N, C-alpha and C. Protein backbone atom coordinates (compact mmCIF):
# COMPACT_ATOMS: atom_id res chain seq x y z
N MET A 1 90.94 49.19 108.05
CA MET A 1 90.19 49.97 109.06
C MET A 1 91.37 50.92 110.10
N THR A 2 92.35 49.93 110.21
CA THR A 2 92.56 50.37 111.77
C THR A 2 93.69 51.73 111.69
N SER A 3 94.15 51.89 110.06
CA SER A 3 94.87 53.01 109.96
C SER A 3 93.55 54.24 109.94
N ILE A 4 92.54 53.94 109.32
CA ILE A 4 91.99 55.05 109.44
C ILE A 4 91.86 55.49 110.69
N ILE A 5 91.11 54.74 111.87
CA ILE A 5 91.34 54.73 113.30
C ILE A 5 92.75 55.66 113.89
N ASN A 6 93.52 55.07 113.43
CA ASN A 6 94.68 55.62 114.18
C ASN A 6 95.08 57.19 113.48
N ASP A 7 94.79 57.31 112.18
CA ASP A 7 94.89 58.73 111.39
C ASP A 7 93.97 59.63 112.38
N PHE A 8 92.69 59.28 112.31
CA PHE A 8 91.88 60.26 113.17
C PHE A 8 91.94 60.37 114.27
N ALA A 9 92.36 59.34 115.28
CA ALA A 9 92.71 59.11 116.92
C ALA A 9 93.49 60.26 116.90
N PHE A 10 94.58 60.42 115.96
CA PHE A 10 96.07 61.46 116.18
C PHE A 10 95.36 62.59 115.60
N ALA A 11 94.48 63.26 115.23
CA ALA A 11 93.97 64.29 114.56
C ALA A 11 94.05 65.46 115.66
N THR A 12 93.97 66.46 115.41
CA THR A 12 94.23 67.82 116.52
C THR A 12 92.66 67.90 116.88
N PRO A 13 92.98 68.89 117.92
CA PRO A 13 91.31 68.91 118.02
C PRO A 13 90.88 70.40 117.03
N ARG A 14 91.81 70.88 116.58
CA ARG A 14 91.45 72.03 115.51
C ARG A 14 91.17 71.02 114.14
N GLN A 15 91.66 70.38 113.65
CA GLN A 15 91.50 69.35 112.71
C GLN A 15 90.16 68.41 112.77
N ARG A 16 89.99 68.41 114.06
CA ARG A 16 88.45 67.36 114.23
C ARG A 16 87.49 68.60 113.89
N ALA A 17 87.52 69.78 114.40
CA ALA A 17 86.43 70.82 114.23
C ALA A 17 86.16 71.21 112.88
N VAL A 18 87.17 71.17 111.88
CA VAL A 18 87.18 71.43 110.34
C VAL A 18 86.58 69.83 110.08
N LEU A 19 86.96 69.08 110.36
CA LEU A 19 86.92 67.57 109.75
C LEU A 19 84.93 67.52 110.31
N ASP A 20 84.66 67.78 111.28
CA ASP A 20 83.44 67.75 111.60
C ASP A 20 82.23 68.41 110.74
N LEU A 21 82.33 69.78 110.31
CA LEU A 21 81.93 70.48 109.47
C LEU A 21 81.85 70.13 108.48
N LEU A 22 83.12 69.44 107.69
CA LEU A 22 83.49 69.15 106.17
C LEU A 22 82.50 67.54 106.06
N ALA A 23 82.33 66.58 107.10
CA ALA A 23 81.38 65.68 107.26
C ALA A 23 80.00 65.95 107.08
N ASN A 24 79.63 67.38 107.32
CA ASN A 24 78.23 67.93 107.36
C ASN A 24 78.01 68.71 105.82
N SER A 25 78.93 68.16 105.01
CA SER A 25 79.12 68.63 103.75
C SER A 25 79.33 70.41 103.63
N ARG A 26 80.13 70.85 104.04
CA ARG A 26 80.20 72.23 104.25
C ARG A 26 81.13 72.56 103.18
N THR A 27 81.29 73.86 102.77
CA THR A 27 82.56 74.43 101.90
C THR A 27 83.12 74.94 102.84
N SER A 28 84.31 75.55 102.12
CA SER A 28 85.70 75.96 103.37
C SER A 28 85.19 76.91 103.43
N LYS A 29 84.70 78.06 102.74
CA LYS A 29 84.30 79.21 102.92
C LYS A 29 83.28 79.26 104.57
N GLU A 30 82.44 78.25 104.28
CA GLU A 30 81.47 77.98 105.71
C GLU A 30 82.06 77.74 106.60
N ILE A 31 82.81 76.76 106.62
CA ILE A 31 83.73 76.26 107.67
C ILE A 31 84.67 77.18 108.48
N ALA A 32 85.46 78.32 107.74
CA ALA A 32 85.93 78.95 108.12
C ALA A 32 85.18 79.95 108.85
N HIS A 33 84.08 80.39 107.94
CA HIS A 33 82.90 81.63 108.83
C HIS A 33 82.50 81.18 110.06
N GLN A 34 82.43 79.85 110.28
CA GLN A 34 81.57 78.94 111.67
C GLN A 34 82.57 79.01 112.32
N LEU A 35 84.01 79.04 112.10
CA LEU A 35 85.37 78.66 113.33
C LEU A 35 85.96 79.98 113.54
N GLY A 36 85.35 81.04 112.68
CA GLY A 36 86.20 81.71 113.01
C GLY A 36 87.64 82.27 112.36
N ILE A 37 87.92 81.53 111.35
CA ILE A 37 89.47 81.24 110.82
C ILE A 37 89.40 81.29 109.51
N SER A 38 90.58 81.61 108.86
CA SER A 38 90.54 81.84 107.38
C SER A 38 90.16 80.69 106.27
N GLU A 39 89.87 80.89 105.24
CA GLU A 39 89.92 79.98 104.71
C GLU A 39 90.93 79.29 103.83
N ALA A 40 91.96 79.75 104.02
CA ALA A 40 93.15 79.07 103.70
C ALA A 40 93.82 78.21 105.00
N ALA A 41 93.68 78.45 106.24
CA ALA A 41 93.67 77.66 107.51
C ALA A 41 92.78 76.56 107.03
N VAL A 42 91.64 76.34 106.81
CA VAL A 42 90.79 75.64 106.78
C VAL A 42 91.27 74.58 105.98
N ASN A 43 91.72 74.86 104.73
CA ASN A 43 92.08 74.33 103.48
C ASN A 43 93.29 73.59 103.88
N ARG A 44 94.46 74.32 104.59
CA ARG A 44 95.55 73.57 105.03
C ARG A 44 95.53 72.28 105.81
N ARG A 45 94.37 72.78 106.93
CA ARG A 45 94.50 71.47 107.62
C ARG A 45 93.46 70.11 107.30
N ILE A 46 92.59 70.65 106.27
CA ILE A 46 92.23 69.37 105.42
C ILE A 46 93.32 68.55 104.44
N GLU A 47 94.15 69.52 104.24
CA GLU A 47 95.38 69.15 102.78
C GLU A 47 96.15 68.11 103.98
N VAL A 48 96.64 68.61 105.18
CA VAL A 48 97.09 67.38 105.93
C VAL A 48 97.07 66.37 106.32
N LEU A 49 95.75 66.22 106.64
CA LEU A 49 94.82 64.92 106.77
C LEU A 49 94.89 64.19 105.57
N ARG A 50 94.32 64.76 104.53
CA ARG A 50 94.70 63.95 102.97
C ARG A 50 95.73 63.50 103.03
N SER A 51 96.96 64.01 102.72
CA SER A 51 97.94 63.75 102.39
C SER A 51 98.33 62.33 103.51
N ARG A 52 98.21 62.69 104.66
CA ARG A 52 98.27 61.63 105.59
C ARG A 52 97.39 60.11 105.09
N LEU A 53 96.21 60.45 104.61
CA LEU A 53 95.49 59.31 104.77
C LEU A 53 95.88 58.90 102.93
N GLY A 54 96.94 59.54 102.14
CA GLY A 54 97.35 58.66 100.95
C GLY A 54 96.90 59.65 100.03
N GLY A 55 96.14 60.63 100.14
CA GLY A 55 95.93 61.61 99.20
C GLY A 55 94.61 61.25 98.37
N VAL A 56 93.91 60.84 99.79
CA VAL A 56 92.26 60.95 99.01
C VAL A 56 91.81 62.07 98.88
N THR A 57 90.28 62.37 98.20
CA THR A 57 89.58 63.30 97.77
C THR A 57 88.81 63.81 99.18
N ARG A 58 88.37 65.08 99.13
CA ARG A 58 87.92 65.69 100.22
C ARG A 58 86.22 64.88 100.59
N HIS A 59 85.72 64.55 99.41
CA HIS A 59 84.68 63.42 99.62
C HIS A 59 84.90 62.30 100.68
N GLU A 60 86.14 61.59 100.01
CA GLU A 60 86.58 60.80 100.72
C GLU A 60 86.93 60.57 101.83
N LEU A 61 87.76 61.72 102.48
CA LEU A 61 88.30 62.20 103.52
C LEU A 61 86.99 62.44 104.70
N ALA A 62 85.65 62.92 103.99
CA ALA A 62 84.60 63.30 104.66
C ALA A 62 83.86 62.03 104.81
N ARG A 63 83.64 61.04 104.18
CA ARG A 63 83.09 59.92 104.20
C ARG A 63 83.91 59.13 105.41
N GLN A 64 85.28 58.65 105.39
CA GLN A 64 85.87 58.12 106.05
C GLN A 64 85.86 58.42 107.47
N TYR A 65 85.74 60.12 107.33
CA TYR A 65 85.76 60.33 109.02
C TYR A 65 84.20 60.49 109.41
N ARG A 66 83.65 60.16 108.59
CA ARG A 66 81.96 60.22 109.21
C ARG A 66 81.71 58.48 109.92
N GLU A 67 82.32 57.86 109.01
CA GLU A 67 82.39 56.26 109.63
C GLU A 67 83.05 56.21 111.01
N TRP A 68 84.22 57.12 110.97
CA TRP A 68 85.14 56.93 112.65
C TRP A 68 84.24 57.42 113.61
N SER A 69 83.74 58.70 113.19
CA SER A 69 83.28 59.30 114.21
C SER A 69 81.79 58.89 114.52
N GLY A 70 81.50 57.77 113.70
CA GLY A 70 80.21 57.22 114.06
C GLY A 70 80.76 55.58 114.65
N GLN A 71 81.93 55.50 114.88
CA GLN A 71 82.14 54.30 115.81
C GLN A 71 83.03 55.31 116.85
N ASN A 72 83.05 56.17 117.04
CA ASN A 72 84.15 57.14 118.20
C ASN A 72 83.28 58.32 118.12
N GLY A 73 82.38 58.21 118.70
CA GLY A 73 81.87 59.86 118.86
C GLY A 73 82.01 61.11 119.75
N ASP A 74 82.76 59.91 120.67
CA ASP A 74 83.19 60.93 121.65
C ASP A 74 84.28 61.70 121.35
N LEU A 75 84.97 61.28 120.78
CA LEU A 75 86.34 62.41 120.44
C LEU A 75 86.21 63.47 119.76
N SER A 76 84.94 63.57 118.86
CA SER A 76 84.94 64.87 117.96
C SER A 76 84.78 65.80 118.85
N ALA A 77 85.12 67.03 118.09
CA ALA A 77 85.57 68.25 118.55
C ALA A 77 84.49 68.99 118.49
N ASP A 78 83.31 69.25 119.45
CA ASP A 78 82.21 69.73 119.80
C ASP A 78 82.32 71.71 119.99
N ARG A 79 83.58 72.30 119.90
CA ARG A 79 83.80 73.75 120.08
C ARG A 79 84.68 74.17 119.00
N ALA A 80 84.26 75.16 118.81
CA ALA A 80 85.31 76.13 117.66
C ALA A 80 86.58 76.08 118.00
N CYS A 81 87.80 76.29 116.83
CA CYS A 81 88.98 76.23 117.36
C CYS A 81 89.29 77.60 118.04
N GLU A 82 90.22 77.58 118.66
CA GLU A 82 90.61 78.88 119.75
C GLU A 82 91.85 78.85 119.62
N GLU A 83 92.41 80.19 119.30
CA GLU A 83 94.01 80.35 119.07
C GLU A 83 94.77 80.03 120.90
N ASN A 84 96.18 79.66 120.47
CA ASN A 84 96.72 79.55 121.92
C ASN A 84 97.21 80.89 122.02
N GLU A 85 97.32 81.04 123.40
CA GLU A 85 97.75 82.40 123.94
C GLU A 85 99.13 82.56 124.15
N MET A 86 99.60 83.67 123.38
CA MET A 86 101.30 83.82 123.14
C MET A 86 102.04 83.67 124.21
N GLN A 87 103.28 82.69 124.51
CA GLN A 87 103.81 82.36 125.26
C GLN A 87 105.07 83.41 125.04
N ILE A 88 105.68 84.17 126.08
CA ILE A 88 107.10 84.72 126.00
C ILE A 88 108.40 83.78 126.25
N LEU A 89 109.12 83.20 125.81
CA LEU A 89 109.98 82.39 126.60
C LEU A 89 111.02 82.84 126.52
N PRO A 90 111.75 83.33 127.98
CA PRO A 90 113.04 83.77 128.11
C PRO A 90 114.25 83.05 127.00
N LEU A 91 114.92 83.68 126.60
CA LEU A 91 116.13 83.32 125.45
C LEU A 91 117.40 83.27 126.20
N ALA A 92 117.74 84.72 126.78
CA ALA A 92 118.86 84.71 127.62
C ALA A 92 119.16 84.30 128.71
N ALA A 93 120.36 84.48 129.54
CA ALA A 93 120.13 83.50 130.61
C ALA A 93 120.08 84.82 131.65
N THR A 94 119.69 84.28 132.81
CA THR A 94 119.26 85.13 133.96
C THR A 94 120.46 85.84 134.58
N THR A 95 121.28 84.83 134.54
CA THR A 95 122.82 85.48 135.48
C THR A 95 123.74 85.25 134.09
N PRO A 96 124.78 86.53 134.13
CA PRO A 96 125.32 86.62 133.37
C PRO A 96 126.78 85.58 133.60
N PRO A 97 127.50 85.03 132.90
CA PRO A 97 128.83 84.34 133.16
C PRO A 97 129.86 85.28 134.01
N SER A 98 130.45 84.14 134.80
CA SER A 98 131.09 84.94 135.98
C SER A 98 132.66 85.17 135.27
N ASP A 99 132.86 84.78 134.02
CA ASP A 99 134.15 84.97 133.33
C ASP A 99 134.89 86.39 132.90
N VAL A 100 133.44 87.19 132.74
CA VAL A 100 133.18 88.07 131.71
C VAL A 100 133.99 89.21 132.56
N SER A 101 134.72 90.40 132.23
CA SER A 101 135.37 91.35 133.06
C SER A 101 134.84 92.45 132.26
N PRO A 102 135.22 93.60 132.57
CA PRO A 102 134.60 95.01 132.39
C PRO A 102 135.44 95.09 131.09
N ARG A 103 134.94 96.11 130.15
CA ARG A 103 135.48 96.27 128.78
C ARG A 103 136.52 97.21 129.02
N ASP A 104 137.40 96.68 128.30
CA ASP A 104 139.06 97.20 128.42
C ASP A 104 139.10 98.06 127.03
N ASP A 105 138.57 98.09 126.21
CA ASP A 105 138.38 98.77 125.01
C ASP A 105 137.74 100.17 125.13
N VAL A 106 137.15 100.66 126.33
CA VAL A 106 136.47 101.81 126.59
C VAL A 106 137.51 103.10 126.26
N VAL A 107 136.83 104.10 125.32
CA VAL A 107 137.59 104.85 124.63
C VAL A 107 136.96 106.65 125.18
N PRO A 108 137.54 107.27 125.31
CA PRO A 108 136.90 108.64 125.88
C PRO A 108 136.42 109.16 125.08
N ALA A 109 135.33 109.85 125.43
CA ALA A 109 134.09 110.53 124.11
C ALA A 109 134.76 111.25 122.99
N GLY A 110 135.52 111.87 123.20
CA GLY A 110 136.61 112.96 122.25
C GLY A 110 137.16 112.38 121.07
N GLU A 111 137.62 110.87 121.82
CA GLU A 111 138.46 110.31 120.64
C GLU A 111 137.82 109.06 119.74
N ALA A 112 136.12 108.78 120.04
CA ALA A 112 135.64 107.67 120.02
C ALA A 112 135.73 108.18 118.24
N MET A 113 135.43 108.93 117.74
CA MET A 113 135.28 108.73 116.17
C MET A 113 136.29 109.63 115.32
N ARG A 114 137.46 109.08 115.36
CA ARG A 114 138.56 109.44 114.66
C ARG A 114 138.63 109.96 112.90
N ASP A 115 137.56 109.31 112.18
CA ASP A 115 137.39 109.74 111.10
C ASP A 115 136.37 110.48 110.87
N GLN A 116 136.26 111.87 111.53
CA GLN A 116 135.02 112.39 111.71
C GLN A 116 134.89 113.43 109.88
N LEU A 117 133.52 113.87 109.91
CA LEU A 117 133.29 114.15 108.34
C LEU A 117 132.95 115.22 108.54
N ALA A 118 132.76 116.42 107.91
CA ALA A 118 132.30 117.52 107.86
C ALA A 118 131.19 117.16 106.64
N ILE A 119 130.02 118.10 107.68
CA ILE A 119 128.66 117.71 106.83
C ILE A 119 127.97 118.96 106.85
N SER A 120 127.35 119.28 106.04
CA SER A 120 126.36 120.63 105.72
C SER A 120 125.21 120.68 106.62
N ILE A 121 124.83 121.47 107.14
CA ILE A 121 123.62 121.75 108.15
C ILE A 121 122.48 122.29 107.34
N GLU A 122 122.60 122.78 106.33
CA GLU A 122 121.55 123.43 105.69
C GLU A 122 120.37 122.89 105.04
N ALA A 123 119.21 122.74 105.05
CA ALA A 123 118.25 122.07 104.91
C ALA A 123 117.96 121.69 103.24
N PRO A 124 117.61 120.53 102.83
CA PRO A 124 117.41 119.91 101.71
C PRO A 124 116.95 121.10 100.76
N TRP A 125 116.02 121.56 101.28
CA TRP A 125 114.83 122.35 100.33
C TRP A 125 115.83 124.11 100.32
N SER A 126 116.53 123.98 100.93
CA SER A 126 117.03 125.60 100.91
C SER A 126 117.69 126.05 99.58
N LYS A 127 118.36 124.98 98.88
CA LYS A 127 118.95 125.10 97.75
C LYS A 127 118.02 124.32 96.44
N PRO A 128 118.22 124.96 95.02
CA PRO A 128 116.98 124.39 94.35
C PRO A 128 118.13 122.84 93.91
N ALA A 129 116.97 121.89 94.09
CA ALA A 129 117.60 120.65 93.78
C ALA A 129 118.14 120.13 92.11
N GLU A 130 117.23 120.92 91.14
CA GLU A 130 117.63 120.49 89.64
C GLU A 130 118.29 121.82 89.05
N PRO A 131 119.21 121.49 88.24
CA PRO A 131 119.71 122.55 87.51
C PRO A 131 119.20 123.87 86.86
N SER A 132 119.88 124.65 86.82
CA SER A 132 118.58 125.76 85.85
C SER A 132 119.32 125.29 84.31
N VAL A 133 117.86 125.43 83.69
CA VAL A 133 117.68 125.21 82.26
C VAL A 133 117.84 125.89 81.26
N VAL A 134 117.77 127.43 81.79
CA VAL A 134 117.95 128.36 81.03
C VAL A 134 119.26 129.28 81.29
N PRO A 135 120.21 129.47 80.41
CA PRO A 135 121.71 130.39 80.64
C PRO A 135 121.56 131.80 81.12
N GLY A 136 122.48 131.58 82.09
CA GLY A 136 122.63 133.05 82.66
C GLY A 136 122.44 134.03 82.21
N VAL A 137 122.68 134.27 80.79
CA VAL A 137 122.50 135.35 80.45
C VAL A 137 120.96 135.45 79.70
N LEU A 138 120.26 134.59 79.75
CA LEU A 138 118.60 135.24 79.60
C LEU A 138 117.84 135.24 80.50
N ASP A 139 118.57 135.32 82.01
CA ASP A 139 118.12 135.23 82.89
C ASP A 139 118.43 136.85 83.86
N GLY A 140 117.45 137.08 84.76
CA GLY A 140 117.88 138.27 85.31
C GLY A 140 117.04 139.58 85.24
N ASP A 141 117.28 140.72 85.35
CA ASP A 141 116.40 142.08 85.22
C ASP A 141 115.39 141.91 83.74
N ASN A 142 116.61 141.90 82.70
CA ASN A 142 115.93 142.03 81.39
C ASN A 142 115.60 140.62 80.67
N ALA A 143 115.08 139.71 81.53
CA ALA A 143 114.96 138.47 80.96
C ALA A 143 114.11 138.54 79.69
N LEU A 144 112.91 139.10 79.98
CA LEU A 144 111.87 139.03 78.72
C LEU A 144 112.79 139.74 77.42
N LEU A 145 113.54 140.91 77.55
CA LEU A 145 113.75 141.51 76.63
C LEU A 145 114.91 140.57 75.78
N THR A 146 116.01 139.71 76.79
CA THR A 146 116.95 139.34 76.06
C THR A 146 116.08 138.12 75.32
N ARG A 147 115.09 137.31 75.99
CA ARG A 147 114.63 136.23 75.34
C ARG A 147 113.97 136.65 74.18
N GLY A 148 113.22 137.66 74.30
CA GLY A 148 112.94 137.87 72.72
C GLY A 148 113.65 138.43 71.72
N ALA A 149 114.80 139.08 72.09
CA ALA A 149 115.71 139.07 71.56
C ALA A 149 116.75 137.77 70.90
N ALA A 150 116.39 136.70 71.58
CA ALA A 150 117.18 135.26 71.31
C ALA A 150 116.02 134.71 70.14
N ILE A 151 115.02 134.94 70.34
CA ILE A 151 113.95 134.27 69.36
C ILE A 151 113.91 134.99 68.20
N GLY A 152 113.89 136.53 68.14
CA GLY A 152 114.03 137.23 66.95
C GLY A 152 115.43 136.68 66.19
N ILE A 153 116.27 136.52 66.55
CA ILE A 153 117.81 136.33 66.10
C ILE A 153 117.38 134.66 65.43
N ILE A 154 117.16 133.64 66.09
CA ILE A 154 116.74 132.67 65.86
C ILE A 154 115.87 132.76 64.73
N LEU A 155 114.57 133.44 64.58
CA LEU A 155 113.75 133.00 63.43
C LEU A 155 114.12 134.08 62.26
N PHE A 156 115.07 134.85 62.47
CA PHE A 156 115.73 135.58 61.27
C PHE A 156 116.70 134.62 60.23
N ALA A 157 117.65 133.68 61.54
CA ALA A 157 118.54 133.04 61.21
C ALA A 157 117.96 131.87 60.24
N ILE A 158 116.89 131.21 60.75
CA ILE A 158 116.01 130.08 60.10
C ILE A 158 115.04 130.56 58.47
N LEU A 159 114.57 131.43 58.45
CA LEU A 159 114.10 132.38 57.35
C LEU A 159 115.34 132.59 56.38
N ALA A 160 116.50 133.13 56.80
CA ALA A 160 117.67 133.58 55.82
C ALA A 160 118.05 132.17 55.28
N SER A 161 118.25 131.05 56.25
CA SER A 161 118.57 129.65 55.27
C SER A 161 117.67 129.45 54.65
N LEU A 162 116.44 129.61 54.76
CA LEU A 162 115.37 129.10 53.88
C LEU A 162 115.59 129.68 52.41
N VAL A 163 115.49 131.29 52.74
CA VAL A 163 115.70 132.01 51.40
C VAL A 163 116.79 131.80 50.80
N VAL A 164 118.19 131.21 51.19
CA VAL A 164 119.56 130.89 50.70
C VAL A 164 119.07 129.40 49.84
N GLY A 165 118.38 128.50 50.74
CA GLY A 165 117.85 127.22 50.02
C GLY A 165 117.06 127.02 48.82
N ILE A 166 116.15 128.11 49.00
CA ILE A 166 115.20 128.22 47.88
C ILE A 166 116.03 128.78 46.79
N ALA A 167 116.75 129.85 46.56
CA ALA A 167 118.01 130.37 45.97
C ALA A 167 119.25 129.59 45.28
N ALA A 168 119.51 128.39 46.09
CA ALA A 168 120.05 127.58 45.33
C ALA A 168 119.24 126.55 44.40
N ALA A 169 118.39 126.52 45.07
CA ALA A 169 117.60 125.30 44.08
C ALA A 169 116.92 126.08 42.63
N ARG A 170 116.70 127.14 42.46
CA ARG A 170 116.64 127.88 41.62
C ARG A 170 117.55 127.45 40.45
N ALA A 171 118.63 128.43 41.03
CA ALA A 171 120.08 128.24 40.41
C ALA A 171 120.33 126.84 39.95
N LEU A 172 120.29 125.74 40.66
CA LEU A 172 120.54 123.94 39.50
C LEU A 172 119.35 124.18 39.47
N ALA A 173 117.86 124.50 39.14
CA ALA A 173 117.19 124.19 37.98
C ALA A 173 117.50 124.96 36.91
N ASP A 174 118.01 126.41 36.97
CA ASP A 174 118.20 126.93 35.88
C ASP A 174 119.40 126.57 35.06
N VAL A 175 120.23 125.97 36.09
CA VAL A 175 121.48 125.57 35.26
C VAL A 175 121.09 124.19 34.33
N VAL A 176 120.11 123.15 34.91
CA VAL A 176 119.84 121.83 34.29
C VAL A 176 119.01 122.11 33.26
N SER A 177 118.49 123.09 33.21
CA SER A 177 117.49 123.54 32.03
C SER A 177 118.16 124.34 30.97
């Protein structure tokens, strides 16, 4: 029984606030809503206490806390959890070290970038981003006429090859029979 007293005596006020509500058979969602914290924070606080007591169940944890708070009722948390205010800690030294001398490697502005690179100043959208799919011959003033002619030539070539293929098939059929 002394280990239980020691474990709950060192519980933080936030853990005690969660344990008070857990001892009253509240779910994690109800505890989170009542304390104004997330459900994950509630579960995390419960898991820390469970592992500290040797992996007991939530029900057993609530029962042990009820027994402990019955003996030591004055230590239980009676207010909701409050977040700590943000503290800004100064990490830099307030005075610079005395052995620092002014920089010796200061270069004039004109010589600062010796490997200058010429870049284009044009807007990215001023040039077409994708390459042209249509050949230049089929584009221009007479694009409709040249494309129609190309379609006609391709159609004629397909029909001619079809006629030649049928003629070759007939010739083979005549030779075989």
